[in-house]
Amino acid sequence: MPTVADLIVARLLQAGVQTLFGMPGGGSNLDLVEAAGRAGLPFVLSHTETAGALMASAQAELTGRPGACLATLGPGVASLVNGSAHASLDRVPLLLLTDAMPASARDYQHQRLDHVALLSTVTKGSFSIEADRADELIKGALLLATTPAPGPVHVDLVPDVARQPATMDASGQEAPIDDQQAAVGIGVSEILAHARRPLVIAGLGVRDSGDADALRRLCERHGIPALVTYKGKGAIPDDHPVFGGVFTNGVMEKPLVEMADLIIGVGLDPIEFLPRPWDYRAPVVLCSRWPLEQHHMSISASLVGELPKTLSAIDECLPSSSDWQGAEVEAHRRRQRAALNVDSKGWAPWRAVEAAARALGPDIQVTVDAGAHMFPITALWPVRRPRQMLISNGLSTMGFALPAAIGAALLERTRRVVALMGDGGLLMCLAELATAATEQLKVTVIVFNDRSLSLIRIKQEALGYPPVGVSLDGIDWQSAAATFGVPAWRARNDDEMARCLTEANAGDGPALVEAVIDPSSYAETLRVVRG
């Protein structure tokens, strides 16, 4: 007879989970791994619990279905916190399956942590599975994770319960209900009707191709320029005439935004913004799939519902054409790119980024880590479709790109995925090269080696402090990769980058390319982007 562990795995498969990730301990972890094997759900061993959560989150972003990871009790759950925080702040549906102390061990203190309290600030909720309500509870957990706004949900499972027999409700997995449809009221209609220079800012909520298509049609029909956040990259292709560049709430995009008399936020979530005041005077009409609780922007109207229907309603209210001229949008886009071409003593990061992008082509799936290298990548890397560039932006955690690339590569093993990382970020998750090697995944890591935690160094220097504790010099990246059986190359200029990537990507498994860059331009790049 099926056990509770079998039932949980069956519900995961039914919800669209592609892979179960994590580092198991004993207890219910082993029951879930065994049940996954029986049911044909692949289990992939990560080398930290955080990495397992990030791998699962990447799959959730790419598929639009929940991700799932597991961890042992106590230290395993503690190590999940950063991965769960990413899923929480970046709005990713994720199930965290953790082992738990049985009731018979209530008097024991060893490895005992209050899992619910520990994860309460980085999850939407917690469920403790009971045998006689197992199906109800696991369906409830999946429903909560996927109901807008999506996010991580914690499930505690004790070994005694995992091994008990269970029955599945024949009604099947419930799906989130989105019955909220946008209604454009009279006041909003007037705001839209009088807009001569509306501007779109697209954010993390524009993840589906249908949403992006509807947004593109709106912009094309009315001649509206569009900016995108880091997670909104691809909502409007970078090579599209209405594409106006990247929005961070920094200074680089200010000239274009200040020309607008209306801002239409599509899937926009202030969780992606730099923490500084919103000082734009144009009214904001926000279109989202879920209500937002925020105090960052001043909102004139918030339209909640399916984005294509909301955008269709807006389309009917806007003037047939705007006063924007294509030449001024193109000029702004060119100024943005030119401003990032900062002089450098050696091989500049932006040159390495452009060389890699040329060599890899515009359709490559990439993941991006937090760090100084992120600024030229997010602005200059060409993206054509939603979710083509995965990045942690709500949390902005380092150590994201390699685990995310592994999660992405597992979805389609014939496709190469490229992780763009700084040397500090790669050190945080270096052991996951072993995961990529074990699974023989086509993951290429490009590590931008500037031998320093450059953003921290810049902040120290701005305060007049000496650069203490930021040096990462002396790391032999080729030897480090070889430890895991991963071939590696070193590039010092554009031509070497092209050659290295050609050779690296010719293989059937993971590869690493070290880009030896000069960080002297980073301070000016930061000033250009953020001010």
Protein backbone atom coordinates (compact mmCIF):
# COMPACT_ATOMS: atom_id res chain seq x y z
CA MET A 1 0.00 0.00 0.00
CA PRO A 2 1.33 3.51 -0.80
CA THR A 3 2.90 5.38 2.09
CA VAL A 4 2.62 9.05 3.01
CA ALA A 5 6.01 9.56 1.31
CA ASP A 6 4.59 7.98 -1.87
CA LEU A 7 1.56 10.25 -1.69
CA ILE A 8 3.71 13.37 -1.31
CA VAL A 9 5.84 12.41 -4.31
CA ALA A 10 2.73 11.66 -6.37
CA ARG A 11 1.37 15.12 -5.57
CA LEU A 12 4.70 16.72 -6.48
CA LEU A 13 4.66 15.01 -9.87
CA GLN A 14 1.05 15.99 -10.42
CA ALA A 15 1.89 19.63 -9.63
CA GLY A 16 4.63 19.59 -12.29
CA VAL A 17 7.74 19.22 -10.14
CA GLN A 18 10.56 18.06 -12.44
CA THR A 19 13.32 17.19 -9.98
CA LEU A 20 13.73 16.74 -6.23
CA PHE A 21 16.91 18.43 -4.96
CA GLY A 22 18.76 18.51 -1.69
CA MET A 23 21.21 16.99 0.74
CA PRO A 24 19.40 14.32 2.76
CA GLY A 25 20.00 13.30 6.32
CA GLY A 26 18.25 10.35 7.85
CA GLY A 27 14.60 10.06 8.74
CA SER A 28 11.88 11.10 6.34
CA ASN A 29 14.39 12.41 3.79
CA LEU A 30 15.31 8.83 2.96
CA ASP A 31 11.67 7.83 2.63
CA LEU A 32 11.06 10.68 0.18
CA VAL A 33 14.15 9.86 -1.89
CA GLU A 34 13.10 6.21 -2.05
CA ALA A 35 9.52 7.12 -2.95
CA ALA A 36 10.80 9.50 -5.65
CA GLY A 37 12.85 6.68 -7.16
CA ARG A 38 9.82 4.38 -7.26
CA ALA A 39 7.71 7.05 -8.93
CA GLY A 40 10.31 8.17 -11.47
CA LEU A 41 10.94 11.61 -9.96
CA PRO A 42 14.70 12.24 -10.28
CA PHE A 43 16.59 13.11 -7.11
CA VAL A 44 19.72 15.25 -7.51
CA LEU A 45 22.20 15.56 -4.67
CA SER A 46 23.28 19.13 -4.09
CA HIS A 47 26.34 19.86 -1.97
CA THR A 48 24.62 22.39 0.24
CA GLU A 49 20.97 22.77 1.18
CA THR A 50 20.97 26.37 -0.06
CA ALA A 51 22.16 25.25 -3.49
CA GLY A 52 19.41 22.62 -3.61
CA ALA A 53 16.79 25.29 -2.97
CA LEU A 54 18.30 27.54 -5.66
CA MET A 55 18.34 24.68 -8.19
CA ALA A 56 14.69 23.96 -7.46
CA SER A 57 13.84 27.67 -7.68
CA ALA A 58 15.45 27.96 -11.11
CA GLN A 59 13.34 25.08 -12.39
CA ALA A 60 10.23 26.69 -10.92
CA GLU A 61 10.96 29.98 -12.69
CA LEU A 62 11.57 28.28 -16.03
CA THR A 63 8.59 25.91 -15.93
CA GLY A 64 6.06 28.04 -14.07
CA ARG A 65 5.44 25.01 -11.83
CA PRO A 66 6.62 24.51 -8.24
CA GLY A 67 10.13 23.43 -7.37
CA ALA A 68 10.94 21.06 -4.51
CA CYS A 69 13.93 20.43 -2.27
CA LEU A 70 14.57 18.55 0.95
CA ALA A 71 16.81 18.91 3.98
CA THR A 72 17.43 17.16 7.24
CA LEU A 73 16.30 18.56 10.56
CA GLY A 74 18.31 21.08 12.56
CA PRO A 75 21.41 22.15 10.61
CA GLY A 76 19.85 21.16 7.29
CA VAL A 77 16.88 23.43 7.86
CA ALA A 78 19.17 26.23 9.05
CA SER A 79 21.11 25.95 5.79
CA LEU A 80 17.89 26.25 3.77
CA VAL A 81 17.22 29.79 4.95
CA ASN A 82 19.08 31.66 2.21
CA GLY A 83 17.55 29.55 -0.56
CA SER A 84 14.10 30.05 0.91
CA ALA A 85 14.74 33.79 1.23
CA HIS A 86 15.54 33.93 -2.49
CA ALA A 87 12.29 32.15 -3.36
CA SER A 88 10.39 34.45 -1.02
CA LEU A 89 11.74 37.78 -2.28
CA ASP A 90 11.92 36.72 -5.93
CA ARG A 91 8.35 35.32 -5.88
CA VAL A 92 9.15 31.69 -6.74
CA PRO A 93 6.86 28.73 -5.85
CA LEU A 94 8.97 26.27 -3.85
CA LEU A 95 8.28 23.41 -1.47
CA LEU A 96 10.79 22.89 1.36
CA LEU A 97 10.47 19.31 2.64
CA THR A 98 12.24 18.83 5.95
CA ASP A 99 12.75 15.97 8.36
CA ALA A 100 11.38 16.54 11.86
CA MET A 101 11.67 15.15 15.37
CA PRO A 102 9.05 12.49 16.15
CA ALA A 103 6.78 13.07 19.12
CA SER A 104 8.61 10.32 21.01
CA ALA A 105 11.77 12.49 20.95
CA ARG A 106 10.18 15.57 22.51
CA ASP A 107 12.51 15.41 25.53
CA TYR A 108 15.70 15.39 23.42
CA GLN A 109 17.55 18.64 22.67
CA HIS A 110 20.20 17.41 20.20
CA GLN A 111 19.81 19.17 16.80
CA ARG A 112 16.42 20.50 17.87
CA LEU A 113 15.38 23.80 16.29
CA ASP A 114 11.96 25.32 15.94
CA HIS A 115 11.71 24.90 12.16
CA VAL A 116 8.51 26.88 11.84
CA ALA A 117 9.87 29.85 13.80
CA LEU A 118 13.20 29.72 11.97
CA LEU A 119 11.58 29.80 8.51
CA SER A 120 8.62 32.01 9.36
CA THR A 121 10.07 35.19 7.85
CA VAL A 122 11.16 33.52 4.59
CA THR A 123 8.12 31.32 3.81
CA LYS A 124 4.43 31.84 3.15
CA GLY A 125 3.56 29.20 5.72
CA SER A 126 4.39 25.82 7.26
CA PHE A 127 2.57 22.48 7.31
CA SER A 128 3.24 19.50 9.57
CA ILE A 129 2.06 16.37 7.80
CA GLU A 130 -0.28 14.07 9.71
CA ALA A 131 -0.96 10.59 8.36
CA ASP A 132 -4.75 10.81 8.36
CA ARG A 133 -4.72 14.25 6.69
CA ALA A 134 -1.61 13.85 4.52
CA ASP A 135 -3.29 14.40 1.17
CA GLU A 136 -5.23 17.41 2.35
CA LEU A 137 -2.12 18.98 3.86
CA ILE A 138 0.27 18.42 0.94
CA LYS A 139 -2.33 19.75 -1.50
CA GLY A 140 -2.75 22.77 0.75
CA ALA A 141 1.01 23.35 0.79
CA LEU A 142 1.25 23.21 -3.00
CA LEU A 143 -1.77 25.47 -3.39
CA LEU A 144 -0.28 28.05 -1.03
CA ALA A 145 3.08 27.97 -2.83
CA THR A 146 1.52 28.61 -6.22
CA THR A 147 -1.27 31.02 -5.31
CA PRO A 148 -0.21 34.58 -6.27
CA ALA A 149 2.07 35.95 -5.05
CA PRO A 150 3.96 32.66 -5.36
CA GLY A 151 6.61 31.78 -2.80
CA PRO A 152 8.18 29.08 -0.63
CA VAL A 153 6.18 26.85 1.69
CA HIS A 154 7.66 24.63 4.39
CA VAL A 155 6.54 21.03 5.04
CA ASP A 156 7.73 19.12 8.12
CA LEU A 157 7.56 15.33 7.94
CA VAL A 158 8.55 12.91 10.69
CA PRO A 159 9.78 9.40 9.79
CA ASP A 160 6.94 7.63 11.60
CA VAL A 161 4.39 9.48 9.49
CA ALA A 162 6.32 9.17 6.21
CA ARG A 163 6.14 5.37 6.39
CA GLN A 164 2.48 5.05 7.29
CA PRO A 165 -0.01 3.95 4.65
CA ALA A 166 -1.94 6.72 2.91
CA THR A 167 -4.70 7.16 0.37
CA MET A 168 -4.97 9.83 -2.30
CA ASP A 169 -8.12 11.85 -2.77
CA ALA A 170 -9.43 11.04 -6.25
CA SER A 171 -10.33 14.69 -6.85
CA GLY A 172 -6.70 15.38 -7.73
CA GLN A 173 -4.46 18.37 -7.23
CA GLU A 174 -6.25 21.65 -6.81
CA ALA A 175 -5.08 24.59 -8.85
CA PRO A 176 -4.83 28.22 -7.77
CA ILE A 177 -7.92 30.21 -8.65
CA ASP A 178 -7.36 33.57 -10.29
CA ASP A 179 -10.84 35.05 -10.50
CA GLN A 180 -9.75 38.65 -10.12
CA GLN A 181 -10.13 40.53 -13.38
CA ALA A 182 -8.92 44.04 -13.92
CA ALA A 183 -11.58 46.70 -14.26
CA VAL A 184 -10.47 50.11 -15.53
CA GLY A 185 -12.57 52.64 -13.63
CA ILE A 186 -13.53 56.10 -14.82
CA GLY A 187 -10.66 57.82 -13.02
CA VAL A 188 -8.07 55.45 -14.45
CA SER A 189 -9.61 55.72 -17.91
CA GLU A 190 -9.11 59.48 -17.78
CA ILE A 191 -5.49 59.14 -16.69
CA LEU A 192 -4.83 56.76 -19.58
CA ALA A 193 -6.78 58.79 -22.13
CA HIS A 194 -4.81 61.97 -21.41
CA ALA A 195 -1.36 60.35 -21.48
CA ARG A 196 0.78 61.64 -24.33
CA ARG A 197 4.03 60.04 -23.20
CA PRO A 198 3.18 56.81 -21.37
CA LEU A 199 6.13 54.66 -20.40
CA VAL A 200 6.09 50.96 -19.49
CA ILE A 201 8.29 49.44 -16.79
CA ALA A 202 8.09 45.63 -16.88
CA GLY A 203 9.14 43.55 -13.88
CA LEU A 204 9.35 40.05 -12.47
CA GLY A 205 5.62 39.40 -12.99
CA VAL A 206 6.09 39.20 -16.78
CA ARG A 207 7.46 35.67 -16.87
CA ASP A 208 5.19 33.96 -19.40
CA SER A 209 5.49 34.32 -23.16
CA GLY A 210 1.76 35.14 -23.39
CA ASP A 211 2.18 38.06 -21.01
CA ALA A 212 5.24 39.28 -22.91
CA ASP A 213 3.46 39.02 -26.26
CA ALA A 214 0.53 41.09 -24.94
CA LEU A 215 2.92 43.71 -23.57
CA ARG A 216 4.88 43.92 -26.80
CA ARG A 217 1.69 44.38 -28.84
CA LEU A 218 0.55 47.20 -26.54
CA CYS A 219 3.87 49.02 -26.88
CA GLU A 220 4.01 48.56 -30.65
CA ARG A 221 0.43 49.69 -31.21
CA HIS A 222 0.81 52.94 -29.28
CA GLY A 223 4.53 53.61 -29.75
CA ILE A 224 5.28 53.26 -26.04
CA PRO A 225 8.89 52.72 -24.89
CA ALA A 226 9.50 50.05 -22.28
CA LEU A 227 12.11 49.63 -19.58
CA VAL A 228 12.67 46.29 -17.85
CA THR A 229 13.94 45.32 -14.43
CA TYR A 230 16.64 42.66 -14.11
CA LYS A 231 14.04 39.92 -13.73
CA GLY A 232 11.90 41.52 -16.43
CA LYS A 233 14.66 41.12 -19.03
CA GLY A 234 13.18 39.59 -22.17
CA ALA A 235 9.65 40.90 -21.60
CA ILE A 236 10.62 43.23 -24.45
CA PRO A 237 13.56 41.91 -26.50
CA ASP A 238 16.71 43.98 -26.20
CA ASP A 239 16.81 44.51 -29.98
CA HIS A 240 13.21 45.73 -30.24
CA PRO A 241 12.72 49.40 -31.26
CA VAL A 242 10.61 50.18 -28.15
CA PHE A 243 13.18 48.72 -25.74
CA GLY A 244 14.46 51.56 -23.56
CA GLY A 245 16.95 49.74 -21.34
CA VAL A 246 17.09 48.50 -17.77
CA PHE A 247 15.30 50.01 -14.77
CA THR A 248 16.78 49.73 -11.26
CA ASN A 249 15.58 52.99 -9.66
CA GLY A 250 19.09 54.27 -10.28
CA VAL A 251 20.27 57.25 -12.33
CA MET A 252 21.01 55.65 -15.70
CA GLU A 253 17.34 55.41 -16.71
CA LYS A 254 16.28 58.77 -15.22
CA PRO A 255 16.40 60.88 -18.41
CA LEU A 256 13.85 58.66 -20.13
CA VAL A 257 11.56 58.14 -17.13
CA GLU A 258 11.44 61.88 -16.39
CA MET A 259 10.10 62.51 -19.91
CA ALA A 260 7.05 60.32 -19.24
CA ASP A 261 3.67 61.71 -18.19
CA LEU A 262 2.41 58.26 -17.16
CA ILE A 263 4.18 55.15 -15.90
CA ILE A 264 2.50 51.80 -16.55
CA GLY A 265 4.07 49.17 -14.31
CA VAL A 266 3.46 45.70 -15.76
CA GLY A 267 4.31 42.86 -13.39
CA LEU A 268 6.31 45.46 -11.53
CA ASP A 269 7.27 44.74 -7.93
CA PRO A 270 9.26 47.33 -5.94
CA ILE A 271 11.10 44.44 -4.29
CA GLU A 272 13.46 44.73 -7.28
CA PHE A 273 14.22 48.44 -6.80
CA LEU A 274 17.29 49.97 -5.25
CA PRO A 275 16.42 51.12 -1.72
CA ARG A 276 16.11 54.83 -2.44
CA PRO A 277 13.12 57.17 -2.72
CA TRP A 278 10.75 57.02 -5.67
CA ASP A 279 10.94 60.60 -6.91
CA TYR A 280 9.09 60.46 -10.22
CA ARG A 281 6.07 62.74 -10.48
CA ALA A 282 4.20 60.95 -13.27
CA PRO A 283 1.17 58.98 -12.09
CA VAL A 284 1.68 55.21 -11.85
CA VAL A 285 -0.85 52.62 -13.00
CA LEU A 286 0.24 49.23 -11.74
CA CYS A 287 -0.83 45.99 -13.48
CA SER A 288 -0.20 42.81 -11.53
CA ARG A 289 -1.47 39.27 -11.13
CA TRP A 290 -1.60 39.75 -7.36
CA PRO A 291 -2.19 42.62 -4.93
CA LEU A 292 0.99 44.29 -3.75
CA GLU A 293 1.61 45.45 -0.21
CA GLN A 294 4.21 48.15 -0.68
CA HIS A 295 4.98 51.70 0.40
CA HIS A 296 7.81 52.47 -2.01
CA MET A 297 5.87 53.88 -4.97
CA SER A 298 2.95 56.25 -5.01
CA ILE A 299 0.27 54.39 -6.99
CA SER A 300 -2.60 56.15 -8.77
CA ALA A 301 -4.33 52.86 -9.61
CA SER A 302 -3.66 49.16 -9.18
CA LEU A 303 -5.23 46.72 -11.65
CA VAL A 304 -5.13 43.10 -10.50
CA GLY A 305 -5.82 40.18 -12.83
CA GLU A 306 -4.48 38.25 -15.79
CA LEU A 307 -1.99 40.52 -17.55
CA PRO A 308 -3.19 40.00 -21.15
CA LYS A 309 -6.74 41.00 -20.15
CA THR A 310 -5.50 43.95 -18.10
CA LEU A 311 -3.31 45.18 -20.96
CA SER A 312 -6.21 44.79 -23.38
CA ALA A 313 -8.34 47.01 -21.13
CA ILE A 314 -5.55 49.60 -20.97
CA ASP A 315 -5.15 49.40 -24.75
CA GLU A 316 -8.73 50.54 -25.24
CA CYS A 317 -8.25 53.61 -23.05
CA LEU A 318 -4.94 54.92 -24.40
CA PRO A 319 -4.72 57.38 -27.30
CA SER A 320 -4.07 55.62 -30.60
CA SER A 321 -0.51 56.94 -30.69
CA SER A 322 1.90 58.62 -28.32
CA ASP A 323 4.16 61.64 -28.69
CA TRP A 324 7.28 59.50 -28.30
CA GLN A 325 9.69 59.51 -31.22
CA GLY A 326 11.54 56.30 -32.01
CA ALA A 327 14.74 58.26 -32.50
CA GLU A 328 14.74 59.62 -28.94
CA VAL A 329 14.20 56.14 -27.45
CA GLU A 330 17.02 54.77 -29.58
CA ALA A 331 19.25 57.68 -28.56
CA HIS A 332 18.58 56.98 -24.88
CA ARG A 333 19.36 53.30 -25.39
CA ARG A 334 22.61 54.15 -27.14
CA ARG A 335 23.60 56.59 -24.39
CA GLN A 336 23.01 53.90 -21.78
CA ARG A 337 25.27 51.44 -23.56
CA ALA A 338 27.93 54.03 -24.31
CA ALA A 339 28.01 55.17 -20.68
CA LEU A 340 28.99 51.64 -19.65
CA ASN A 341 31.98 51.59 -21.99
CA VAL A 342 34.24 52.84 -19.23
CA ASP A 343 37.97 53.10 -19.85
CA SER A 344 40.09 50.55 -18.03
CA LYS A 345 43.78 49.87 -17.57
CA GLY A 346 43.39 46.29 -18.77
CA TRP A 347 40.64 44.05 -20.15
CA ALA A 348 37.47 45.80 -19.01
CA PRO A 349 34.56 43.77 -17.64
CA TRP A 350 32.16 45.20 -20.22
CA ARG A 351 34.49 44.08 -23.02
CA ALA A 352 34.58 40.56 -21.56
CA VAL A 353 30.77 40.57 -21.37
CA GLU A 354 30.35 41.68 -24.97
CA ALA A 355 32.95 39.17 -26.18
CA ALA A 356 31.17 36.33 -24.38
CA ALA A 357 27.76 37.42 -25.69
CA ARG A 358 29.06 37.52 -29.27
CA ALA A 359 30.61 34.08 -28.95
CA LEU A 360 27.53 32.48 -27.37
CA GLY A 361 24.79 34.08 -29.47
CA PRO A 362 21.52 35.76 -28.47
CA ASP A 363 19.53 32.61 -27.65
CA ILE A 364 21.73 31.12 -24.91
CA GLN A 365 20.17 30.53 -21.48
CA VAL A 366 22.17 32.40 -18.84
CA THR A 367 22.15 32.77 -15.08
CA VAL A 368 23.71 35.77 -13.38
CA ASP A 369 25.24 36.11 -9.94
CA ALA A 370 25.25 39.19 -7.72
CA GLY A 371 28.42 41.25 -7.81
CA ALA A 372 30.10 44.05 -9.73
CA HIS A 373 30.11 42.03 -12.97
CA MET A 374 26.29 42.10 -12.81
CA PHE A 375 26.08 45.75 -13.96
CA PRO A 376 27.55 45.37 -17.46
CA ILE A 377 25.89 41.96 -17.90
CA THR A 378 22.32 43.07 -17.14
CA ALA A 379 22.66 46.14 -19.34
CA LEU A 380 24.62 44.70 -22.27
CA TRP A 381 23.74 41.02 -22.53
CA PRO A 382 21.14 40.52 -25.30
CA VAL A 383 17.94 38.81 -24.10
CA ARG A 384 15.06 37.90 -26.40
CA ARG A 385 12.51 36.09 -24.22
CA PRO A 386 11.26 36.07 -20.63
CA ARG A 387 13.27 33.91 -18.20
CA GLN A 388 16.21 33.66 -20.61
CA MET A 389 18.27 35.42 -17.94
CA LEU A 390 17.77 34.08 -14.41
CA ILE A 391 18.97 36.29 -11.58
CA SER A 392 18.37 36.74 -7.88
CA ASN A 393 17.22 40.33 -7.65
CA GLY A 394 14.71 40.55 -4.81
CA LEU A 395 17.29 38.98 -2.50
CA SER A 396 20.35 39.61 -4.71
CA THR A 397 22.28 36.73 -3.21
CA MET A 398 25.72 35.66 -4.30
CA GLY A 399 26.24 31.97 -5.03
CA PHE A 400 23.05 31.82 -7.12
CA ALA A 401 24.17 31.43 -10.73
CA LEU A 402 25.85 28.00 -10.66
CA PRO A 403 23.04 26.20 -8.77
CA ALA A 404 20.46 27.96 -10.97
CA ALA A 405 22.32 26.88 -14.11
CA ILE A 406 22.31 23.28 -12.86
CA GLY A 407 18.55 23.43 -12.28
CA ALA A 408 18.05 24.88 -15.77
CA ALA A 409 20.34 22.36 -17.50
CA LEU A 410 18.50 19.42 -15.92
CA LEU A 411 15.30 20.50 -17.68
CA GLU A 412 16.85 20.08 -21.12
CA ARG A 413 20.13 18.19 -21.07
CA THR A 414 20.94 18.85 -24.72
CA ARG A 415 20.96 22.62 -24.18
CA ARG A 416 23.97 24.47 -22.84
CA VAL A 417 23.44 26.89 -19.96
CA VAL A 418 25.96 29.56 -19.01
CA ALA A 419 26.51 30.81 -15.45
CA LEU A 420 28.03 34.31 -15.25
CA MET A 421 29.73 34.74 -11.89
CA GLY A 422 32.26 36.76 -9.96
CA ASP A 423 35.11 35.01 -8.20
CA GLY A 424 33.57 35.69 -4.76
CA GLY A 425 30.21 34.22 -5.75
CA LEU A 426 31.74 31.10 -7.27
CA LEU A 427 33.75 30.44 -4.11
CA MET A 428 30.47 30.35 -2.18
CA CYS A 429 29.12 27.43 -4.23
CA LEU A 430 32.25 25.89 -5.74
CA ALA A 431 31.29 22.37 -4.63
CA GLU A 432 28.34 22.46 -7.02
CA LEU A 433 30.83 21.93 -9.84
CA ALA A 434 30.79 18.37 -8.51
CA THR A 435 27.01 18.27 -9.00
CA ALA A 436 27.36 19.45 -12.60
CA ALA A 437 30.11 16.90 -13.22
CA THR A 438 28.22 14.01 -11.64
CA GLU A 439 25.14 14.78 -13.71
CA GLN A 440 27.27 15.48 -16.83
CA LEU A 441 25.42 18.70 -17.46
CA LYS A 442 26.20 21.17 -20.21
CA VAL A 443 26.90 24.02 -17.83
CA THR A 444 29.62 26.53 -18.65
CA VAL A 445 30.74 28.77 -15.82
CA ILE A 446 32.34 32.07 -16.82
CA VAL A 447 34.06 33.43 -13.73
CA PHE A 448 34.97 37.11 -13.92
CA ASN A 449 38.21 37.01 -11.97
CA ASP A 450 39.10 40.42 -10.62
CA ARG A 451 40.78 38.91 -7.54
CA SER A 452 38.61 40.91 -5.17
CA LEU A 453 35.19 41.50 -3.67
CA SER A 454 35.01 44.59 -5.87
CA LEU A 455 31.73 46.11 -4.69
CA ILE A 456 32.87 45.98 -1.08
CA ARG A 457 36.25 47.44 -2.01
CA ILE A 458 34.54 50.35 -3.82
CA LYS A 459 32.38 51.08 -0.77
CA GLN A 460 35.42 50.95 1.52
CA GLU A 461 37.31 53.37 -0.69
CA ALA A 462 34.32 55.73 -0.86
CA LEU A 463 34.42 55.93 2.94
CA GLY A 464 38.16 56.48 2.97
CA TYR A 465 38.80 53.06 4.49
CA PRO A 466 41.65 50.77 3.44
CA PRO A 467 40.56 47.69 1.45
CA VAL A 468 40.59 45.13 4.26
CA GLY A 469 39.23 41.60 3.88
CA VAL A 470 38.33 41.84 0.19
CA SER A 471 41.31 40.27 -1.56
CA LEU A 472 40.71 36.97 -3.38
CA ASP A 473 44.13 36.77 -5.00
CA GLY A 474 46.02 33.52 -5.46
CA ILE A 475 43.18 31.24 -6.63
CA ASP A 476 44.10 28.90 -9.48
CA TRP A 477 40.70 28.44 -11.09
CA GLN A 478 41.89 25.86 -13.60
CA SER A 479 43.25 23.66 -10.82
CA ALA A 480 40.10 24.19 -8.75
CA ALA A 481 37.92 23.05 -11.64
CA ALA A 482 40.18 20.08 -12.33
CA THR A 483 39.57 18.89 -8.75
CA PHE A 484 35.99 18.17 -9.81
CA GLY A 485 36.93 16.76 -13.20
CA VAL A 486 35.80 19.92 -14.98
CA PRO A 487 37.98 21.20 -17.86
CA ALA A 488 38.89 24.88 -17.66
CA TRP A 489 40.29 27.64 -19.85
CA ARG A 490 41.69 31.13 -19.22
CA ALA A 491 40.83 34.21 -21.31
CA ARG A 492 42.59 37.59 -21.15
CA ASN A 493 41.12 39.35 -24.19
CA ASP A 494 38.24 39.21 -26.69
CA ASP A 495 39.87 36.72 -29.04
CA GLU A 496 40.82 34.36 -26.24
CA MET A 497 37.28 34.52 -24.86
CA ALA A 498 35.84 33.47 -28.22
CA ARG A 499 38.33 30.62 -28.56
CA CYS A 500 37.88 29.41 -24.98
CA LEU A 501 34.09 29.33 -25.24
CA THR A 502 34.20 27.50 -28.56
CA GLU A 503 36.41 24.80 -27.06
CA ALA A 504 34.57 24.67 -23.74
CA ASN A 505 31.15 24.32 -25.32
CA ALA A 506 32.26 21.59 -27.70
CA GLY A 507 32.25 19.09 -24.85
CA ASP A 508 29.36 17.07 -23.48
CA GLY A 509 29.74 18.14 -19.85
CA PRO A 510 30.50 21.12 -17.64
CA ALA A 511 33.28 23.59 -18.34
CA LEU A 512 34.80 26.67 -16.73
CA VAL A 513 36.23 29.74 -18.43
CA GLU A 514 38.18 32.20 -16.31
CA ALA A 515 37.99 35.76 -17.60
CA VAL A 516 40.93 37.66 -16.15
CA ILE A 517 39.59 41.20 -15.97
CA ASP A 518 40.75 44.56 -14.70
CA PRO A 519 38.38 45.94 -12.03
CA SER A 520 39.58 49.54 -12.26
CA SER A 521 36.47 50.61 -14.21
CA TYR A 522 33.94 49.23 -11.71
CA ALA A 523 33.73 52.36 -9.55
CA GLU A 524 32.82 54.51 -12.55
CA THR A 525 30.39 51.85 -13.80
CA LEU A 526 28.65 51.88 -10.43
CA ARG A 527 28.41 55.67 -10.54
CA VAL A 528 26.92 55.57 -14.04
CA VAL A 529 24.30 52.98 -13.12
CA ARG A 530 23.35 53.95 -9.59
CA GLY A 531 24.65 57.47 -9.11
